[in-house]
């Protein structure tokens, strides 16, 4: 039995049942139909361990919406399960946890300065030719004469078995037509641990500036998938080497390089960032913690100074980096909500925990860290541990032992003072009512005084003590 026959036989029974129905629907309409794309690639993946996707794409030689309607009828599905997108020539069907997409075979041509293709009906060969990569250009026939046969005009199975990323046709044309395919080539190389074939790689280098016509939203979608991979550093290494990273994230490119004065050098902050990113990836699959790793040193280039007798310094890079986060998120089309705020908090505080390892550090300093980090405290400590990239094992062990001490202090102080996600027990309304003053700066100053007293340990985190302190402070200032 051939590899193809074995893979076809081992498909889930649910999928085999579906394919029989799609075959009958195509036959009734006299429309040849094929399973295409990622489903076929994953079904043929050597040593596949994970279950096959429930997202299945079909190409038909004829109208995709008519085939989808015929399939829906044979499955006795309600009208609500079918969505037709006439502008895109596609139809979508949801059934038994499966998302099915139907599209008529097409060919595409592009205007030089537009990312929107001119789409025309085409043959199966033309449809496969317009695909991004050979491993994504394979199809299974669902037609009576060769049911289950593999259509593989560009030797995608061979590339899949050899771990090669290659375009079906001339890469210069493939990437010129749709520049996002360059990002996808890198994303699949990273996802599967494949190598990019030489001419395909060169095509990305030669056409990297074309990525500038692609929207930030589409770039971010591909980039986030790379960041969520097991080894995201591989993605950024390829992105910077091909020139793509400079198109949408020049601040990260600026981290590259090492300067030397009087024989004193500093580490390359780009490659350090990638080490931190990989370290975080081993500890957590949280996308936004990984973004914090990417941005934690982003402002080092403009804060870099050489101080005689001290060496290289980057004073204030954490504060400046946190200030940059919103504008970077906006430009990269990342969400400007609590996720951005979390990244900003982690960038701003990423140096703070190591300073707390000193035995002489007060509870007040620990209390302030707990308060400022809030729900991001655990992620902050993970980021700090990941930030230890020294090649000196003794130094690494010492740093990690220091962080163990910080963790211990945090637990002790939090159990005693309960300042996680702390809210001021004294409200502005309470101050206005007690002192008979209108809303204004004085009210804010008194609230801040109460907060500082609790953080400094002058009073306990207790509503009654806070009210007494507020009244005494108000009298001292002549407010009450």
Protein backbone atom coordinates (compact mmCIF):
# COMPACT_ATOMS: atom_id res chain seq x y z
CA UNK A 1 0.00 0.00 0.00
CA UNK A 2 1.37 3.43 -0.96
CA UNK A 3 1.84 6.27 1.53
CA UNK A 4 -1.01 8.14 -0.14
CA UNK A 5 -3.40 5.16 0.04
CA UNK A 6 -2.49 4.59 3.69
CA UNK A 7 -3.09 8.24 4.59
CA UNK A 8 -6.42 8.26 2.75
CA UNK A 9 -7.55 5.08 4.48
CA UNK A 10 -6.61 6.45 7.92
CA UNK A 11 -8.71 9.62 7.63
CA UNK A 12 -11.41 9.92 10.33
CA UNK A 13 -14.64 8.03 9.59
CA UNK A 14 -16.58 11.28 9.97
CA UNK A 15 -14.52 12.85 7.20
CA UNK A 16 -14.90 9.84 4.92
CA UNK A 17 -18.69 10.07 5.33
CA UNK A 18 -18.59 13.78 4.49
CA UNK A 19 -16.43 13.22 1.41
CA UNK A 20 -18.91 10.63 0.09
CA UNK A 21 -21.71 13.17 0.37
CA UNK A 22 -19.62 15.90 -1.31
CA UNK A 23 -18.72 13.45 -4.08
CA UNK A 24 -22.39 12.66 -4.71
CA UNK A 25 -23.26 16.38 -4.67
CA UNK A 26 -20.53 17.16 -7.20
CA UNK A 27 -21.67 14.29 -9.41
CA UNK A 28 -25.30 15.49 -9.32
CA UNK A 29 -24.21 18.98 -10.43
CA UNK A 30 -21.63 17.65 -12.91
CA UNK A 31 -19.00 19.67 -11.03
CA UNK A 32 -15.67 17.93 -10.31
CA UNK A 33 -14.63 18.59 -6.70
CA UNK A 34 -11.41 18.25 -4.70
CA UNK A 35 -10.25 18.56 -1.08
CA UNK A 36 -7.43 21.12 -1.07
CA UNK A 37 -4.91 22.98 1.05
CA UNK A 38 -3.98 22.51 4.67
CA UNK A 39 -6.17 19.46 5.27
CA UNK A 40 -4.36 17.51 2.55
CA UNK A 41 -0.95 18.70 3.74
CA UNK A 42 -1.63 17.69 7.34
CA UNK A 43 -3.12 14.33 6.32
CA UNK A 44 0.11 13.51 4.47
CA UNK A 45 2.47 14.92 7.13
CA UNK A 46 5.13 12.31 7.99
CA UNK A 47 4.80 11.11 11.57
CA UNK A 48 1.67 13.16 12.19
CA UNK A 49 0.68 13.02 15.86
CA UNK A 50 -2.09 15.59 16.30
CA UNK A 51 -5.70 15.06 15.11
CA UNK A 52 -6.62 16.42 11.70
CA UNK A 53 -8.19 19.84 11.48
CA UNK A 54 -11.97 20.17 11.27
CA UNK A 55 -11.54 23.08 8.80
CA UNK A 56 -11.79 21.56 5.33
CA UNK A 57 -11.59 23.41 2.01
CA UNK A 58 -13.08 22.21 -1.27
CA UNK A 59 -12.41 23.46 -4.79
CA UNK A 60 -14.90 22.73 -7.53
CA UNK A 61 -14.90 23.31 -11.27
CA UNK A 62 -18.04 25.42 -11.19
CA UNK A 63 -19.87 27.69 -8.75
CA UNK A 64 -18.81 27.04 -5.15
CA UNK A 65 -22.10 28.30 -3.71
CA UNK A 66 -24.18 25.83 -5.76
CA UNK A 67 -22.07 22.92 -4.54
CA UNK A 68 -22.36 24.13 -0.93
CA UNK A 69 -26.15 24.37 -1.25
CA UNK A 70 -26.34 20.85 -2.68
CA UNK A 71 -24.18 19.48 0.15
CA UNK A 72 -26.29 21.30 2.77
CA UNK A 73 -29.44 19.79 1.25
CA UNK A 74 -28.01 16.27 1.34
CA UNK A 75 -26.96 16.78 4.98
CA UNK A 76 -30.46 18.07 5.85
CA UNK A 77 -28.94 21.20 7.34
CA UNK A 78 -30.92 24.36 8.20
CA UNK A 79 -30.41 27.47 6.10
CA UNK A 80 -28.65 29.14 9.04
CA UNK A 81 -25.71 26.75 8.73
CA UNK A 82 -24.85 28.05 5.24
CA UNK A 83 -23.19 31.41 4.45
CA UNK A 84 -22.62 32.57 0.89
CA UNK A 85 -20.12 35.31 -0.01
CA UNK A 86 -20.82 36.17 -3.63
CA UNK A 87 -18.18 38.94 -3.72
CA UNK A 88 -15.50 36.35 -2.96
CA UNK A 89 -17.11 33.45 -4.82
CA UNK A 90 -17.09 31.30 -1.69
CA UNK A 91 -19.58 29.57 0.58
CA UNK A 92 -19.17 28.39 4.16
CA UNK A 93 -20.94 25.51 5.85
CA UNK A 94 -20.84 24.43 9.50
CA UNK A 95 -21.81 20.90 10.51
CA UNK A 96 -20.90 18.51 13.34
CA UNK A 97 -18.04 20.72 14.51
CA UNK A 98 -16.61 20.96 10.99
CA UNK A 99 -16.11 24.24 9.11
CA UNK A 100 -16.35 23.62 5.38
CA UNK A 101 -15.46 26.12 2.70
CA UNK A 102 -16.42 25.75 -0.97
CA UNK A 103 -14.90 27.81 -3.75
CA UNK A 104 -14.86 27.62 -7.51
CA UNK A 105 -11.43 26.97 -9.06
CA UNK A 106 -9.92 30.29 -10.01
CA UNK A 107 -6.92 32.07 -11.37
CA UNK A 108 -5.70 35.44 -10.19
CA UNK A 109 -3.81 38.42 -11.57
CA UNK A 110 -2.61 41.47 -9.66
CA UNK A 111 -2.16 45.15 -10.38
CA UNK A 112 1.37 46.28 -9.51
CA UNK A 113 0.38 48.53 -6.57
CA UNK A 114 -2.67 46.65 -5.32
CA UNK A 115 -3.01 43.70 -2.98
CA UNK A 116 -6.49 42.91 -4.36
CA UNK A 117 -6.39 40.33 -7.16
CA UNK A 118 -8.50 40.22 -10.29
CA UNK A 119 -10.18 36.83 -9.97
CA UNK A 120 -11.46 34.71 -12.87
CA UNK A 121 -12.76 31.16 -13.15
CA UNK A 122 -9.94 28.73 -13.83
CA UNK A 123 -8.92 25.11 -14.01
CA UNK A 124 -7.77 22.99 -11.07
CA UNK A 125 -4.20 23.37 -12.32
CA UNK A 126 -4.51 27.17 -12.39
CA UNK A 127 -6.03 27.11 -8.90
CA UNK A 128 -3.16 25.01 -7.55
CA UNK A 129 -0.63 27.21 -9.34
CA UNK A 130 -1.80 30.31 -7.45
CA UNK A 131 -1.23 28.64 -4.05
CA UNK A 132 1.54 29.94 -1.82
CA UNK A 133 3.62 26.78 -1.32
CA UNK A 134 3.97 23.35 -2.91
CA UNK A 135 2.96 21.68 0.37
CA UNK A 136 -0.29 23.66 0.26
CA UNK A 137 -0.96 23.00 -3.44
CA UNK A 138 -1.94 19.32 -3.17
CA UNK A 139 -5.47 17.98 -3.44
CA UNK A 140 -7.47 14.78 -3.00
CA UNK A 141 -9.91 13.99 -5.79
CA UNK A 142 -13.53 13.36 -4.79
CA UNK A 143 -14.53 12.31 -8.29
CA UNK A 144 -15.73 8.90 -9.34
CA UNK A 145 -12.96 8.14 -11.82
CA UNK A 146 -10.11 8.65 -9.30
CA UNK A 147 -11.74 8.99 -5.89
CA UNK A 148 -9.09 9.55 -3.17
CA UNK A 149 -6.25 10.09 -5.65
CA UNK A 150 -3.65 12.75 -4.88
CA UNK A 151 -3.21 15.59 -7.38
CA UNK A 152 0.30 16.90 -6.77
CA UNK A 153 1.60 18.79 -9.83
CA UNK A 154 4.39 20.60 -7.93
CA UNK A 155 5.79 17.67 -5.93
CA UNK A 156 4.48 18.96 -2.62
CA UNK A 157 4.55 15.48 -1.07
CA UNK A 158 8.28 15.21 -1.78
CA UNK A 159 8.87 18.63 -0.19
CA UNK A 160 6.76 17.61 2.78
CA UNK A 161 8.83 14.48 3.28
CA UNK A 162 12.11 16.39 2.87
CA UNK A 163 11.13 19.33 5.09
CA UNK A 164 11.34 21.93 2.32
CA UNK A 165 9.42 25.20 1.87
CA UNK A 166 9.12 26.04 -1.83
CA UNK A 167 6.74 28.03 -4.05
CA UNK A 168 4.82 26.16 -6.81
CA UNK A 169 6.01 28.53 -9.54
CA UNK A 170 8.72 31.19 -9.85
CA UNK A 171 8.98 32.69 -6.34
CA UNK A 172 9.52 36.16 -7.74
CA UNK A 173 6.09 36.02 -9.38
CA UNK A 174 4.46 34.26 -6.42
CA UNK A 175 5.61 36.93 -3.97
CA UNK A 176 5.12 39.81 -6.38
CA UNK A 177 1.48 38.78 -6.88
CA UNK A 178 0.71 38.41 -3.16
CA UNK A 179 3.48 39.64 -0.83
CA UNK A 180 1.80 38.13 2.24
CA UNK A 181 2.95 34.75 0.89
CA UNK A 182 6.46 35.70 2.07
CA UNK A 183 5.18 35.83 5.66
CA UNK A 184 3.34 32.56 5.17
CA UNK A 185 6.48 30.87 3.83
CA UNK A 186 8.33 31.82 6.99
CA UNK A 187 5.39 30.92 9.21
CA UNK A 188 5.20 27.39 7.79
CA UNK A 189 8.97 26.99 7.96
CA UNK A 190 8.76 27.86 11.66
CA UNK A 191 5.66 25.78 12.35
CA UNK A 192 7.12 22.59 10.91
CA UNK A 193 10.83 23.26 11.45
CA UNK A 194 11.38 23.16 7.67
CA UNK A 195 14.07 24.90 5.60
CA UNK A 196 13.23 27.46 2.94
CA UNK A 197 14.54 26.35 -0.46
CA UNK A 198 17.28 28.63 -1.83
CA UNK A 199 15.44 30.31 -4.73
CA UNK A 200 12.34 30.77 -2.58
CA UNK A 201 14.45 32.37 0.15
CA UNK A 202 16.11 34.64 -2.41
CA UNK A 203 12.69 35.55 -3.75
CA UNK A 204 11.73 36.83 -0.29
CA UNK A 205 14.95 38.84 -0.05
CA UNK A 206 14.41 40.33 -3.51
CA UNK A 207 10.72 41.14 -2.97
CA UNK A 208 10.66 41.99 0.75
CA UNK A 209 9.76 45.65 0.15
CA UNK A 210 6.53 44.52 -1.56
CA UNK A 211 5.23 43.63 1.91
CA UNK A 212 4.63 47.36 2.36
CA UNK A 213 1.37 47.13 0.38
CA UNK A 214 -0.09 44.56 2.80
CA UNK A 215 -2.33 45.76 5.62
CA UNK A 216 -1.04 45.71 9.19
CA UNK A 217 -3.95 43.45 10.18
CA UNK A 218 -2.93 40.67 7.79
CA UNK A 219 0.73 40.95 8.77
CA UNK A 220 -0.19 40.80 12.47
CA UNK A 221 -2.26 37.65 11.92
CA UNK A 222 0.72 35.83 10.41
CA UNK A 223 3.16 37.29 12.93
CA UNK A 224 1.12 36.22 15.95
CA UNK A 225 1.02 32.65 14.64
CA UNK A 226 4.81 32.70 14.39
CA UNK A 227 5.15 34.10 17.91
CA UNK A 228 2.97 31.27 19.24
CA UNK A 229 5.24 28.61 17.70
CA UNK A 230 7.48 26.38 19.80
CA UNK A 231 10.62 28.23 18.65
CA UNK A 232 9.62 31.81 17.79
CA UNK A 233 13.24 32.95 17.55
CA UNK A 234 13.49 31.02 14.26
CA UNK A 235 10.76 33.24 12.83
CA UNK A 236 12.42 36.51 13.83
CA UNK A 237 15.81 35.32 12.62
CA UNK A 238 14.29 34.68 9.17
CA UNK A 239 12.30 37.91 9.26
CA UNK A 240 15.34 40.06 9.96
CA UNK A 241 17.67 38.20 7.59
CA UNK A 242 15.25 38.50 4.65
CA UNK A 243 14.52 42.18 5.34
CA UNK A 244 10.82 41.67 6.09
CA UNK A 245 11.09 42.79 9.72
CA UNK A 246 12.37 46.22 8.69
CA UNK A 247 9.12 46.83 6.80
CA UNK A 248 6.80 46.61 9.81
CA UNK A 249 8.97 46.59 12.96
CA UNK A 250 12.15 48.68 12.43
CA UNK A 251 12.49 49.29 16.17
CA UNK A 252 13.26 45.62 16.68
CA UNK A 253 15.77 45.62 13.82
CA UNK A 254 17.51 48.56 15.56
CA UNK A 255 18.33 46.26 18.50
CA UNK A 256 20.91 44.52 16.31
CA UNK A 257 24.61 45.20 16.63
CA UNK A 258 27.34 45.54 19.24
CA UNK A 259 29.33 48.71 19.98
CA UNK A 260 32.78 48.79 21.55
CA UNK A 261 34.60 51.51 23.49
CA UNK A 262 38.01 50.95 25.10
CA UNK A 263 37.63 47.24 24.47
CA UNK A 264 34.32 47.11 26.37
CA UNK A 265 31.38 45.65 24.47
CA UNK A 266 27.73 45.04 25.28
CA UNK A 267 25.58 42.09 24.23
CA UNK A 268 23.61 42.16 20.98
CA UNK A 269 20.17 43.12 22.23
CA UNK A 270 18.36 41.63 19.22
CA UNK A 271 19.68 38.12 19.80
CA UNK A 272 19.30 38.55 23.56
CA UNK A 273 15.63 39.40 22.96
CA UNK A 274 15.20 36.22 20.93
CA UNK A 275 16.75 34.17 23.73
CA UNK A 276 14.32 35.73 26.20
CA UNK A 277 11.43 35.06 23.82
CA UNK A 278 12.35 31.38 23.50
CA UNK A 279 12.77 31.13 27.27
CA UNK A 280 9.27 32.55 27.75
CA UNK A 281 7.91 30.16 25.12
CA UNK A 282 9.19 27.25 27.21
CA UNK A 283 7.36 28.60 30.26
CA UNK A 284 4.07 29.87 28.83
CA UNK A 285 1.94 29.84 25.67
CA UNK A 286 0.44 33.26 26.49
CA UNK A 287 0.73 35.44 23.37
CA UNK A 288 0.91 38.73 25.28
CA UNK A 289 3.61 37.55 27.66
CA UNK A 290 5.58 36.64 24.53
CA UNK A 291 4.95 40.13 23.14
CA UNK A 292 6.27 41.55 26.42
CA UNK A 293 9.45 39.51 25.91
CA UNK A 294 9.76 40.95 22.39
CA UNK A 295 9.34 44.53 23.63
CA UNK A 296 11.04 44.44 27.03
CA UNK A 297 14.30 45.97 25.73
CA UNK A 298 12.85 47.72 22.69
CA UNK A 299 14.01 51.19 23.83
CA UNK A 300 17.63 50.25 24.52
CA UNK A 301 19.10 51.82 21.34
CA UNK A 302 18.07 55.44 22.12
CA UNK A 303 19.04 55.09 25.81
CA UNK A 304 22.43 53.54 25.17
CA UNK A 305 25.38 55.42 26.74
CA UNK A 306 29.00 54.62 27.54
CA UNK A 307 30.02 55.87 30.98
CA UNK A 308 33.74 55.92 31.78
CA UNK A 309 34.49 53.60 34.67
CA UNK A 310 31.03 52.04 34.46
CA UNK A 311 30.65 50.73 30.94
CA UNK A 312 27.54 50.58 28.77
CA UNK A 313 24.29 51.74 30.34
CA UNK A 314 20.67 51.82 29.17
CA UNK A 315 19.14 53.91 31.94
CA UNK A 316 15.42 54.47 31.58
CA UNK A 317 14.92 52.02 28.71
CA UNK A 318 12.12 50.30 30.64
CA UNK A 319 10.17 53.56 31.09
CA UNK A 320 10.70 54.67 27.49
CA UNK A 321 9.84 51.19 26.20
CA UNK A 322 6.57 51.23 28.14
CA UNK A 323 5.80 54.63 26.64
CA UNK A 324 6.38 53.20 23.15
CA UNK A 325 4.11 50.18 23.62
CA UNK A 326 0.78 51.89 22.69
CA UNK A 327 2.16 53.43 19.48
CA UNK A 328 3.79 50.12 18.49
CA UNK A 329 0.59 48.20 19.15
CA UNK A 330 -1.36 50.75 17.12
CA UNK A 331 1.00 50.56 14.15
CA UNK A 332 1.20 46.75 14.27
CA UNK A 333 -2.61 46.54 14.49
CA UNK A 334 -2.53 44.78 17.85
CA UNK A 335 -5.39 45.24 20.35
CA UNK A 336 -5.41 48.53 22.28
CA UNK A 337 -7.14 47.07 25.32
CA UNK A 338 -6.16 45.33 28.54
CA UNK A 339 -3.75 43.08 26.65
CA UNK A 340 -1.76 46.10 25.53
CA UNK A 341 -1.88 47.48 29.09
CA UNK A 342 -0.46 44.20 30.41
CA UNK A 343 2.45 44.31 27.95
CA UNK A 344 3.07 47.94 28.93
CA UNK A 345 3.11 47.02 32.63
CA UNK A 346 5.53 44.14 32.06
CA UNK A 347 7.91 46.28 29.99
CA UNK A 348 7.84 49.06 32.60
CA UNK A 349 8.45 46.76 35.57
CA UNK A 350 10.76 44.10 34.11
CA UNK A 351 13.84 45.39 35.98
CA UNK A 352 12.10 45.89 39.31
CA UNK A 353 12.06 42.37 40.81
CA UNK A 354 15.84 41.79 40.64
CA UNK A 355 16.35 44.93 42.75
CA UNK A 356 14.18 43.36 45.45
CA UNK A 357 16.50 40.39 45.97
CA UNK A 358 18.66 42.40 48.36
CA UNK A 359 18.05 41.30 51.94
CA UNK A 360 17.80 44.93 52.99
CA UNK A 361 14.82 45.67 50.74
CA UNK A 362 11.82 46.87 52.72
CA UNK A 363 8.33 45.46 52.73
CA UNK A 364 7.28 48.81 51.29
CA UNK A 365 9.20 48.15 48.05
CA UNK A 366 7.70 44.68 47.71
CA UNK A 367 4.25 46.07 48.50
CA UNK A 368 4.56 48.63 45.72
CA UNK A 369 5.62 45.99 43.19
CA UNK A 370 2.62 43.82 44.08
CA UNK A 371 0.32 46.83 43.76
CA UNK A 372 1.76 48.08 40.48
CA UNK A 373 1.93 44.66 38.82
CA UNK A 374 -1.57 43.58 39.91
CA UNK A 375 -2.81 40.64 37.85
CA UNK A 376 0.40 40.70 35.81
CA UNK A 377 2.64 39.78 38.76
CA UNK A 378 3.06 36.08 37.87
CA UNK A 379 3.83 36.96 34.26
CA UNK A 380 6.31 39.59 35.44
CA UNK A 381 8.23 37.03 37.47
CA UNK A 382 8.22 34.61 34.50
CA UNK A 383 9.58 37.36 32.24
CA UNK A 384 12.32 38.22 34.74
CA UNK A 385 13.44 34.60 34.95
CA UNK A 386 13.40 34.33 31.15
CA UNK A 387 15.53 37.50 30.96
CA UNK A 388 18.49 35.65 32.48
CA UNK A 389 20.52 34.67 29.41
CA UNK A 390 24.08 34.66 30.74
CA UNK A 391 26.40 31.91 29.54
CA UNK A 392 27.91 31.83 33.04
CA UNK A 393 26.12 28.98 34.84
CA UNK A 394 27.16 30.25 38.28
CA UNK A 395 25.70 33.68 37.54
CA UNK A 396 22.48 32.15 36.20
CA UNK A 397 22.03 30.04 39.33
CA UNK A 398 22.61 33.09 41.52
CA UNK A 399 20.06 35.19 39.62
CA UNK A 400 17.45 32.44 39.78
CA UNK A 401 18.10 31.97 43.49
CA UNK A 402 17.58 35.71 43.93
CA UNK A 403 14.23 35.47 42.15
CA UNK A 404 13.28 32.63 44.49
CA UNK A 405 13.90 35.03 47.36
CA UNK A 406 11.75 37.70 45.69
CA UNK A 407 8.93 35.16 45.21
CA UNK A 408 9.15 34.31 48.89
CA UNK A 409 9.01 37.97 49.92
CA UNK A 410 6.04 38.59 47.66
CA UNK A 411 4.08 35.73 49.24
CA UNK A 412 4.90 36.93 52.75
CA UNK A 413 3.96 40.55 52.13
CA UNK A 414 0.81 39.70 50.19
CA UNK A 415 -0.44 37.36 52.90
CA UNK A 416 0.15 40.06 55.49
CA UNK A 417 -0.96 43.20 53.65
CA UNK A 418 -3.33 42.05 50.86
CA UNK A 419 -2.37 44.72 48.34
CA UNK A 420 -2.89 42.69 45.15
CA UNK A 421 -5.33 44.69 42.97
CA UNK A 422 -5.62 47.08 45.91
CA UNK A 423 -8.31 49.77 45.92
CA UNK A 424 -8.12 52.85 48.09
CA UNK A 425 -10.47 52.38 51.06
CA UNK A 426 -11.02 56.15 51.09
CA UNK A 427 -13.11 57.48 48.20
CA UNK A 428 -13.37 61.01 46.88
CA UNK A 429 -17.00 61.16 48.00
CA UNK A 430 -15.98 60.28 51.57
CA UNK A 431 -13.42 63.08 51.63
CA UNK A 432 -15.83 65.67 50.21
CA UNK A 433 -18.53 64.70 52.70
CA UNK A 434 -16.22 64.58 55.73
CA UNK A 435 -14.41 67.84 54.97
CA UNK A 436 -17.14 69.72 53.15
CA UNK A 437 -14.93 70.45 50.15
CA UNK A 438 -15.82 70.30 46.45
CA UNK A 439 -14.21 67.98 43.94
CA UNK A 440 -10.74 69.16 43.03
CA UNK A 441 -6.99 68.67 43.49
CA UNK A 442 -7.24 68.58 47.30
CA UNK A 443 -9.40 65.45 47.18
CA UNK A 444 -6.91 63.66 44.92
CA UNK A 445 -3.99 64.70 47.11
CA UNK A 446 -5.65 63.25 50.23
CA UNK A 447 -6.43 59.97 48.45
CA UNK A 448 -2.81 59.79 47.30
CA UNK A 449 -1.59 60.45 50.87
CA UNK A 450 -3.68 57.52 52.13
CA UNK A 451 -2.29 55.26 49.41
CA UNK A 452 1.31 56.25 50.18
CA UNK A 453 0.77 55.67 53.92
CA UNK A 454 -0.49 52.14 53.26
CA UNK A 455 2.26 51.37 50.76
CA UNK A 456 4.93 52.68 53.14
CA UNK A 457 3.50 50.69 56.06
CA UNK A 458 2.65 53.80 58.08
CA UNK A 459 -0.84 52.35 58.49
CA UNK A 460 -2.23 48.93 57.75
CA UNK A 461 -4.42 48.16 54.75
CA UNK A 462 -7.53 48.68 56.87
CA UNK A 463 -10.56 50.92 56.12
CA UNK A 464 -10.85 52.29 59.66
CA UNK A 465 -7.17 53.14 59.94
CA UNK A 466 -7.33 54.73 56.49
CA UNK A 467 -10.26 56.98 57.49
CA UNK A 468 -8.52 58.08 60.70
CA UNK A 469 -5.31 58.84 58.79
CA UNK A 470 -7.25 60.76 56.14
CA UNK A 471 -8.91 62.99 58.75
CA UNK A 472 -5.61 63.66 60.55
CA UNK A 473 -3.91 64.48 57.24
CA UNK A 474 -6.81 66.74 56.20
CA UNK A 475 -6.57 68.65 59.49
CA UNK A 476 -2.81 68.94 59.17
CA UNK A 477 -3.26 70.50 55.74
CA UNK A 478 -6.02 72.76 56.96
CA UNK A 479 -8.61 71.15 54.74
CA UNK A 480 -10.98 70.14 57.58
